[in-house]
Amino acid sequence: MDTYTMTEAARLVGTSTGKLSQAIRAGRLPARAGPEPGAVLTVTPEALRAAGFALPPAPAPSEAPTTASPAPAPAAEAAPAPATPVEHPGPDQALLAHLERALEQARERELRLLDLLADLTRQRSAPQAPPAPGAPRPAVVPAAAFRPPARPPLSGLRQQIVEVVRQHPEGIAPRDVRTLLAVDHDVRSTMKGMVRSGILTRRAAGRYVVAAAGAGP
């Protein structure tokens, strides 16, 4: 039985791997992974059709000639077979993957800037030494003015990572998160950025859990 990886299946039916991953998580598209750690997910043509994805029609078999054709004259040398073209990802898929990585990096920079702003705010709101006798007293600023801004909502990939890690309180490795989410790119760098932002906590042996401060979505 023919099987396809997520990238091959997305190219075959003309969609993205994210749409296939959503169909797998919704239970509409059955997928199977090998027993070895880090094995990729595969799907069958029948499963793709049952999930509503249109597959290109199979080429019709060529009809056998009704009359025998004359034997070709012996050639001095057989012509070399044409080289099989190598399939490359379409420009739209490559652009989409680049934009997703750029958006994730921009969100990580935004979170780091928010953390830096919160640190500066805490330093400014720390108690100061009492003024010298006779010196003018500084104006009192309400503490609410130094309240750090609320964190922005998590991106789609970070939200999915938090949901998967929350289901494994004993900790889970990035490669297992990647298998469960059925994504093509490595999520290790994203999870490290989530540790710096206080969303995840890294335990020994490279396993991650949801941090107490980042338990909410």
Protein backbone atom coordinates (compact mmCIF):
# COMPACT_ATOMS: atom_id res chain seq x y z
CA MET A 1 0.00 0.00 0.00
CA ASP A 2 1.35 3.43 -0.96
CA THR A 3 2.06 5.83 1.92
CA TYR A 4 3.16 9.46 1.93
CA THR A 5 4.94 11.63 4.45
CA MET A 6 3.22 14.85 5.54
CA THR A 7 5.30 16.92 3.08
CA GLU A 8 4.63 14.51 0.20
CA ALA A 9 0.92 14.34 0.98
CA ALA A 10 0.62 18.16 1.17
CA ARG A 11 2.34 18.48 -2.22
CA LEU A 12 0.11 15.74 -3.71
CA VAL A 13 -3.23 17.26 -2.68
CA GLY A 14 -2.13 20.89 -3.08
CA THR A 15 -2.37 22.09 0.52
CA SER A 16 -0.08 22.84 3.47
CA THR A 17 1.23 20.49 6.14
CA GLY A 18 -0.54 22.65 8.73
CA LYS A 19 -3.95 21.80 7.19
CA LEU A 20 -3.08 18.10 7.26
CA SER A 21 -1.97 18.39 10.91
CA GLN A 22 -5.29 20.04 11.82
CA ALA A 23 -7.17 17.17 10.12
CA ILE A 24 -5.08 14.62 12.06
CA ARG A 25 -5.72 16.33 15.43
CA ALA A 26 -9.45 16.58 14.58
CA GLY A 27 -9.55 12.81 13.94
CA ARG A 28 -10.58 13.17 10.28
CA LEU A 29 -7.26 11.97 8.84
CA PRO A 30 -5.72 8.77 10.27
CA ALA A 31 -1.90 8.85 10.38
CA ARG A 32 0.69 6.32 11.46
CA ALA A 33 4.25 6.66 12.76
CA GLY A 34 6.97 4.00 12.99
CA PRO A 35 8.00 2.46 16.34
CA GLU A 36 11.40 4.12 16.44
CA PRO A 37 11.75 7.49 18.28
CA GLY A 38 11.32 10.53 16.08
CA ALA A 39 9.66 8.57 13.23
CA VAL A 40 7.71 10.72 10.76
CA LEU A 41 3.96 10.41 10.30
CA THR A 42 2.65 8.79 7.10
CA VAL A 43 -0.80 8.70 5.52
CA THR A 44 -2.38 6.57 2.78
CA PRO A 45 -4.23 7.76 -0.35
CA GLU A 46 -7.44 6.17 0.95
CA ALA A 47 -7.16 8.15 4.22
CA LEU A 48 -6.64 11.39 2.28
CA ARG A 49 -9.72 10.77 0.13
CA ALA A 50 -11.82 9.84 3.20
CA ALA A 51 -10.75 13.11 4.89
CA GLY A 52 -12.02 15.14 1.89
CA PHE A 53 -8.70 15.91 0.15
CA ALA A 54 -8.77 15.62 -3.65
CA LEU A 55 -6.02 13.46 -5.15
CA PRO A 56 -4.95 13.87 -8.78
CA PRO A 57 -6.36 11.17 -11.11
CA ALA A 58 -4.13 8.22 -11.87
CA PRO A 59 -2.72 8.16 -15.42
CA ALA A 60 -4.72 5.92 -17.81
CA PRO A 61 -2.87 2.83 -19.08
CA SER A 62 -1.70 3.07 -22.64
CA GLU A 63 -3.54 0.84 -25.14
CA ALA A 64 -1.62 -1.95 -26.83
CA PRO A 65 -1.25 -1.49 -30.62
CA THR A 66 -3.69 -3.55 -32.70
CA THR A 67 -1.20 -4.25 -35.46
CA ALA A 68 2.38 -5.25 -35.16
CA SER A 69 4.70 -2.40 -36.00
CA PRO A 70 7.73 -3.07 -38.15
CA ALA A 71 10.89 -3.81 -36.25
CA PRO A 72 13.01 -0.69 -35.90
CA ALA A 73 16.30 -0.56 -37.66
CA PRO A 74 19.23 -1.37 -35.41
CA ALA A 75 20.66 1.82 -33.93
CA ALA A 76 24.36 2.33 -33.73
CA GLU A 77 24.10 3.62 -30.17
CA ALA A 78 21.11 3.94 -27.80
CA ALA A 79 20.20 7.50 -26.90
CA PRO A 80 20.75 8.32 -23.21
CA ALA A 81 17.59 8.36 -21.10
CA PRO A 82 16.48 11.86 -20.06
CA ALA A 83 17.33 12.77 -16.49
CA THR A 84 14.42 12.65 -14.09
CA PRO A 85 13.66 16.18 -12.86
CA VAL A 86 14.08 16.68 -9.14
CA GLU A 87 10.98 17.96 -7.42
CA HIS A 88 11.45 21.06 -5.29
CA PRO A 89 9.00 22.71 -2.91
CA GLY A 90 6.79 25.30 -4.55
CA PRO A 91 7.62 29.01 -4.06
CA ASP A 92 4.42 29.54 -2.07
CA GLN A 93 5.32 26.83 0.47
CA ALA A 94 8.89 28.13 0.86
CA LEU A 95 7.60 31.70 1.35
CA LEU A 96 5.02 30.52 3.90
CA ALA A 97 7.67 28.65 5.92
CA HIS A 98 9.97 31.71 5.84
CA LEU A 99 7.16 34.01 7.03
CA GLU A 100 6.24 31.63 9.86
CA ARG A 101 9.86 31.56 11.10
CA ALA A 102 10.11 35.36 10.84
CA LEU A 103 6.85 35.81 12.78
CA GLU A 104 8.02 33.43 15.53
CA GLN A 105 11.35 35.29 15.84
CA ALA A 106 9.53 38.64 16.02
CA ARG A 107 7.28 37.36 18.82
CA GLU A 108 10.31 36.11 20.77
CA ARG A 109 11.98 39.54 20.43
CA GLU A 110 8.76 41.20 21.60
CA LEU A 111 8.60 38.96 24.68
CA ARG A 112 12.26 39.67 25.53
CA LEU A 113 11.60 43.42 25.28
CA LEU A 114 8.56 43.06 27.56
CA ASP A 115 10.69 41.16 30.09
CA LEU A 116 13.33 43.90 29.96
CA LEU A 117 10.64 46.58 30.45
CA ALA A 118 9.25 44.68 33.45
CA ASP A 119 12.76 44.49 35.01
CA LEU A 120 13.30 48.22 34.54
CA THR A 121 9.87 48.94 36.02
CA ARG A 122 10.64 46.84 39.11
CA GLN A 123 13.94 48.67 39.57
CA ARG A 124 12.23 52.05 39.38
CA SER A 125 9.50 50.99 41.82
CA ALA A 126 12.00 49.63 44.39
CA PRO A 127 12.17 51.59 47.69
CA GLN A 128 14.71 54.42 47.61
CA ALA A 129 16.98 55.66 50.39
CA PRO A 130 15.42 58.37 52.58
CA PRO A 131 16.30 61.90 51.47
CA ALA A 132 18.76 64.02 53.40
CA PRO A 133 17.33 66.42 56.01
CA GLY A 134 16.12 69.61 54.39
CA ALA A 135 16.09 68.13 50.86
CA PRO A 136 12.82 68.48 48.87
CA ARG A 137 10.71 65.31 48.89
CA PRO A 138 10.18 63.73 45.48
CA ALA A 139 6.71 63.56 44.03
CA VAL A 140 4.87 60.35 44.84
CA VAL A 141 3.95 58.36 41.75
CA PRO A 142 1.11 55.82 42.07
CA ALA A 143 2.27 52.22 41.98
CA ALA A 144 -0.34 51.45 39.30
CA ALA A 145 1.62 53.62 36.85
CA PHE A 146 4.51 51.13 36.99
CA ARG A 147 2.38 48.04 36.44
CA PRO A 148 4.09 45.97 33.73
CA PRO A 149 2.00 45.45 30.58
CA ALA A 150 0.17 42.18 30.16
CA ARG A 151 1.79 39.53 28.01
CA PRO A 152 0.43 39.29 24.45
CA PRO A 153 -1.48 36.12 23.55
CA LEU A 154 0.65 33.15 22.52
CA SER A 155 1.16 32.41 18.84
CA GLY A 156 -0.50 29.41 17.24
CA LEU A 157 2.61 27.20 17.51
CA ARG A 158 3.39 28.25 21.11
CA GLN A 159 -0.21 27.65 22.16
CA GLN A 160 -0.08 24.14 20.66
CA ILE A 161 3.24 23.43 22.41
CA VAL A 162 1.80 24.55 25.79
CA GLU A 163 -1.25 22.28 25.31
CA VAL A 164 0.93 19.26 24.49
CA VAL A 165 3.41 19.88 27.34
CA ARG A 166 0.56 20.43 29.85
CA GLN A 167 -0.64 16.87 29.06
CA HIS A 168 2.75 15.49 30.18
CA PRO A 169 3.42 16.75 33.74
CA GLU A 170 6.40 14.41 34.01
CA GLY A 171 8.08 16.32 31.14
CA ILE A 172 8.38 15.78 27.39
CA ALA A 173 11.25 16.11 24.90
CA PRO A 174 11.10 18.48 21.87
CA ARG A 175 11.26 15.58 19.39
CA ASP A 176 8.13 14.04 20.94
CA VAL A 177 6.35 17.40 20.81
CA ARG A 178 7.25 17.66 17.12
CA THR A 179 5.86 14.18 16.45
CA LEU A 180 2.59 14.86 18.29
CA LEU A 181 2.09 18.20 16.50
CA ALA A 182 3.08 16.67 13.12
CA VAL A 183 5.16 19.71 12.10
CA ASP A 184 8.07 19.61 9.65
CA HIS A 185 10.48 22.04 11.35
CA ASP A 186 12.31 21.55 14.65
CA VAL A 187 10.55 23.07 17.69
CA ARG A 188 13.64 22.94 19.96
CA SER A 189 14.56 26.62 19.40
CA THR A 190 10.96 27.73 19.95
CA MET A 191 10.76 25.82 23.25
CA LYS A 192 14.08 27.34 24.40
CA GLY A 193 12.65 30.80 23.69
CA MET A 194 9.55 29.87 25.73
CA VAL A 195 11.87 28.96 28.65
CA ARG A 196 13.48 32.42 28.45
CA SER A 197 10.01 33.97 28.44
CA GLY A 198 8.96 32.05 31.57
CA ILE A 199 6.34 29.93 29.77
CA LEU A 200 8.16 26.58 30.05
CA THR A 201 10.71 25.11 32.48
CA ARG A 202 13.48 22.76 31.37
CA ARG A 203 14.24 19.76 33.56
CA ALA A 204 17.12 17.30 33.42
CA ALA A 205 17.60 15.09 30.34
CA GLY A 206 16.14 17.75 28.03
CA ARG A 207 12.48 17.43 29.14
CA TYR A 208 10.17 20.40 29.43
CA VAL A 209 7.15 21.19 31.65
CA VAL A 210 4.81 24.18 31.83
CA ALA A 211 6.14 26.84 34.21
CA ALA A 212 3.99 28.00 37.09
CA ALA A 213 3.90 31.53 35.69
CA GLY A 214 3.07 30.28 32.18
CA ALA A 215 0.41 27.75 33.06
CA GLY A 216 -2.30 29.91 31.49
CA PRO A 217 -2.56 30.22 27.71
